[in-house]
Amino acid sequence: MTQLSSDKSASVHHVELWVAELARAEPEWGWLFGELGWEVFQSWAGGRSWRAADGAYVVVEQSPAVEPGPHRRTAAGMNHLALATDRATADRIARVGDQHGWTLLFPDRHPYAGGPEHYAAYLSNSDGFEIELVAR
């Protein structure tokens, strides 16, 4: 494993997700990011973005260049987005997410679907995007 020197850093700057219908996706993502304490960062006719306290942000955009069809997390490409939070927030989102377009994945193994030492909530939205809320 390569170690970064102290004068270099690597971090996520932003992630951009293309959706088929912004009108459907925006309330789901907006609710989720609000629950995580993220703030609305940018807003335009075709998209929204939310920013975390560390400055990283996620864009949800309805691009005219998006190809038709649903997102498939099991196809080549992004499988899921993992975000850090605390146990209480992960539990609350898992408990009420279905009221906001999010379905709890692996409910029979929740909150240890990732293994006995990994506390997380895995959810999927109506566009098929998966989110993993990793409890610190």
Protein backbone atom coordinates (compact mmCIF):
# COMPACT_ATOMS: atom_id res chain seq x y z
CA MET A 1 0.00 0.00 0.00
CA THR A 2 1.35 3.41 -0.96
CA GLN A 3 1.55 5.93 1.85
CA LEU A 4 0.89 9.59 1.03
CA SER A 5 3.54 11.97 2.26
CA SER A 6 2.47 14.64 4.72
CA ASP A 7 2.63 17.37 2.04
CA LYS A 8 0.11 15.61 -0.22
CA SER A 9 -3.48 14.75 0.40
CA ALA A 10 -6.15 12.86 -1.44
CA SER A 11 -9.81 13.39 -0.82
CA VAL A 12 -13.09 13.40 -2.67
CA HIS A 13 -13.86 16.81 -4.12
CA HIS A 14 -17.27 15.96 -5.56
CA VAL A 15 -19.35 13.19 -7.08
CA GLU A 16 -21.85 13.79 -9.89
CA LEU A 17 -24.86 11.51 -10.32
CA TRP A 18 -26.98 11.67 -13.46
CA VAL A 19 -30.65 10.91 -13.05
CA ALA A 20 -33.50 10.39 -15.48
CA GLU A 21 -35.91 12.72 -13.64
CA LEU A 22 -34.65 15.49 -11.37
CA ALA A 23 -38.18 16.16 -10.11
CA ARG A 24 -38.28 12.62 -8.64
CA ALA A 25 -34.65 12.43 -7.51
CA GLU A 26 -34.24 15.82 -5.85
CA PRO A 27 -36.65 15.24 -2.93
CA GLU A 28 -35.07 11.85 -2.15
CA TRP A 29 -31.49 13.10 -2.21
CA GLY A 30 -32.43 16.39 -0.57
CA TRP A 31 -34.04 14.61 2.36
CA LEU A 32 -31.08 12.23 2.76
CA PHE A 33 -28.43 14.93 2.66
CA GLY A 34 -30.49 17.12 5.01
CA GLU A 35 -30.64 14.27 7.52
CA LEU A 36 -26.85 13.96 7.27
CA GLY A 37 -26.42 17.69 7.97
CA TRP A 38 -25.32 18.60 4.45
CA GLU A 39 -26.36 21.98 3.04
CA VAL A 40 -27.72 22.90 -0.38
CA PHE A 41 -24.68 24.14 -2.29
CA GLN A 42 -25.83 24.83 -5.86
CA SER A 43 -29.19 24.89 -7.60
CA TRP A 44 -30.03 25.31 -11.30
CA ALA A 45 -32.81 24.20 -13.64
CA GLY A 46 -31.19 20.82 -14.33
CA GLY A 47 -29.63 19.97 -11.00
CA ARG A 48 -28.87 20.44 -7.33
CA SER A 49 -25.84 19.85 -5.17
CA TRP A 50 -25.35 19.37 -1.45
CA ARG A 51 -22.13 20.02 0.45
CA ALA A 52 -20.75 18.32 3.55
CA ALA A 53 -18.95 20.20 6.32
CA ASP A 54 -15.56 19.13 4.89
CA GLY A 55 -16.38 20.79 1.54
CA ALA A 56 -16.99 17.64 -0.51
CA TYR A 57 -20.23 17.78 -2.44
CA VAL A 58 -22.60 15.60 -4.45
CA VAL A 59 -24.34 16.79 -7.61
CA VAL A 60 -27.63 15.27 -8.77
CA GLU A 61 -28.27 16.31 -12.35
CA GLN A 62 -30.71 15.62 -15.15
CA SER A 63 -28.39 16.04 -18.12
CA PRO A 64 -29.68 16.17 -21.69
CA ALA A 65 -26.84 13.74 -22.48
CA VAL A 66 -28.06 11.01 -20.09
CA GLU A 67 -28.87 7.75 -21.86
CA PRO A 68 -32.32 6.27 -21.29
CA GLY A 69 -32.84 3.52 -18.76
CA PRO A 70 -32.43 3.10 -15.01
CA HIS A 71 -29.20 3.15 -13.04
CA ARG A 72 -28.06 -0.41 -12.35
CA ARG A 73 -25.70 -0.67 -9.40
CA THR A 74 -24.84 -4.23 -10.40
CA ALA A 75 -23.62 -3.15 -13.86
CA ALA A 76 -20.13 -1.87 -14.55
CA GLY A 77 -19.78 1.56 -13.01
CA MET A 78 -20.53 2.87 -9.56
CA ASN A 79 -22.03 0.31 -7.20
CA HIS A 80 -22.72 2.60 -4.26
CA LEU A 81 -21.76 5.78 -2.46
CA ALA A 82 -20.54 5.33 1.14
CA LEU A 83 -20.86 8.26 3.53
CA ALA A 84 -19.76 8.51 7.16
CA THR A 85 -22.23 9.41 9.90
CA ASP A 86 -23.03 8.38 13.47
CA ARG A 87 -25.11 5.38 14.58
CA ALA A 88 -28.14 7.42 15.62
CA THR A 89 -28.38 9.11 12.23
CA ALA A 90 -27.84 5.87 10.30
CA ASP A 91 -30.53 4.18 12.41
CA ARG A 92 -33.00 7.05 11.99
CA ILE A 93 -32.53 7.15 8.21
CA ALA A 94 -32.89 3.36 7.99
CA ARG A 95 -36.07 3.51 10.07
CA VAL A 96 -37.89 6.27 8.14
CA GLY A 97 -36.14 6.28 4.77
CA ASP A 98 -39.01 4.41 3.12
CA GLN A 99 -41.17 7.50 3.70
CA HIS A 100 -38.72 9.50 1.57
CA GLY A 101 -38.02 7.18 -1.39
CA TRP A 102 -35.28 5.03 0.21
CA THR A 103 -35.60 1.26 0.74
CA LEU A 104 -33.50 -0.52 3.35
CA LEU A 105 -31.36 -3.19 1.70
CA PHE A 106 -30.44 -6.42 3.49
CA PRO A 107 -32.96 -5.82 6.31
CA ASP A 108 -32.38 -9.31 7.72
CA ARG A 109 -28.71 -8.42 8.36
CA HIS A 110 -29.10 -4.73 9.26
CA PRO A 111 -27.03 -3.02 10.69
CA TYR A 112 -24.25 -5.60 10.20
CA ALA A 113 -24.75 -6.46 6.51
CA GLY A 114 -21.11 -5.50 5.92
CA GLY A 115 -19.87 -7.87 8.63
CA PRO A 116 -19.93 -8.15 12.43
CA GLU A 117 -17.54 -5.22 12.95
CA HIS A 118 -19.09 -2.90 10.34
CA TYR A 119 -22.14 -0.91 11.50
CA ALA A 120 -23.90 0.59 8.50
CA ALA A 121 -27.25 1.15 6.82
CA TYR A 122 -27.56 0.25 3.14
CA LEU A 123 -30.41 1.90 1.25
CA SER A 124 -31.53 2.18 -2.37
CA ASN A 125 -33.67 4.92 -3.91
CA SER A 126 -36.26 4.88 -6.69
CA ASP A 127 -33.55 5.43 -9.35
CA GLY A 128 -31.60 2.39 -8.12
CA PHE A 129 -28.73 4.28 -6.49
CA GLU A 130 -27.37 2.64 -3.36
CA ILE A 131 -26.09 4.58 -0.37
CA GLU A 132 -24.11 3.08 2.50
CA LEU A 133 -24.23 5.07 5.72
CA VAL A 134 -21.18 3.97 7.69
CA ALA A 135 -21.40 4.65 11.41
CA ARG A 136 -18.15 5.94 12.86
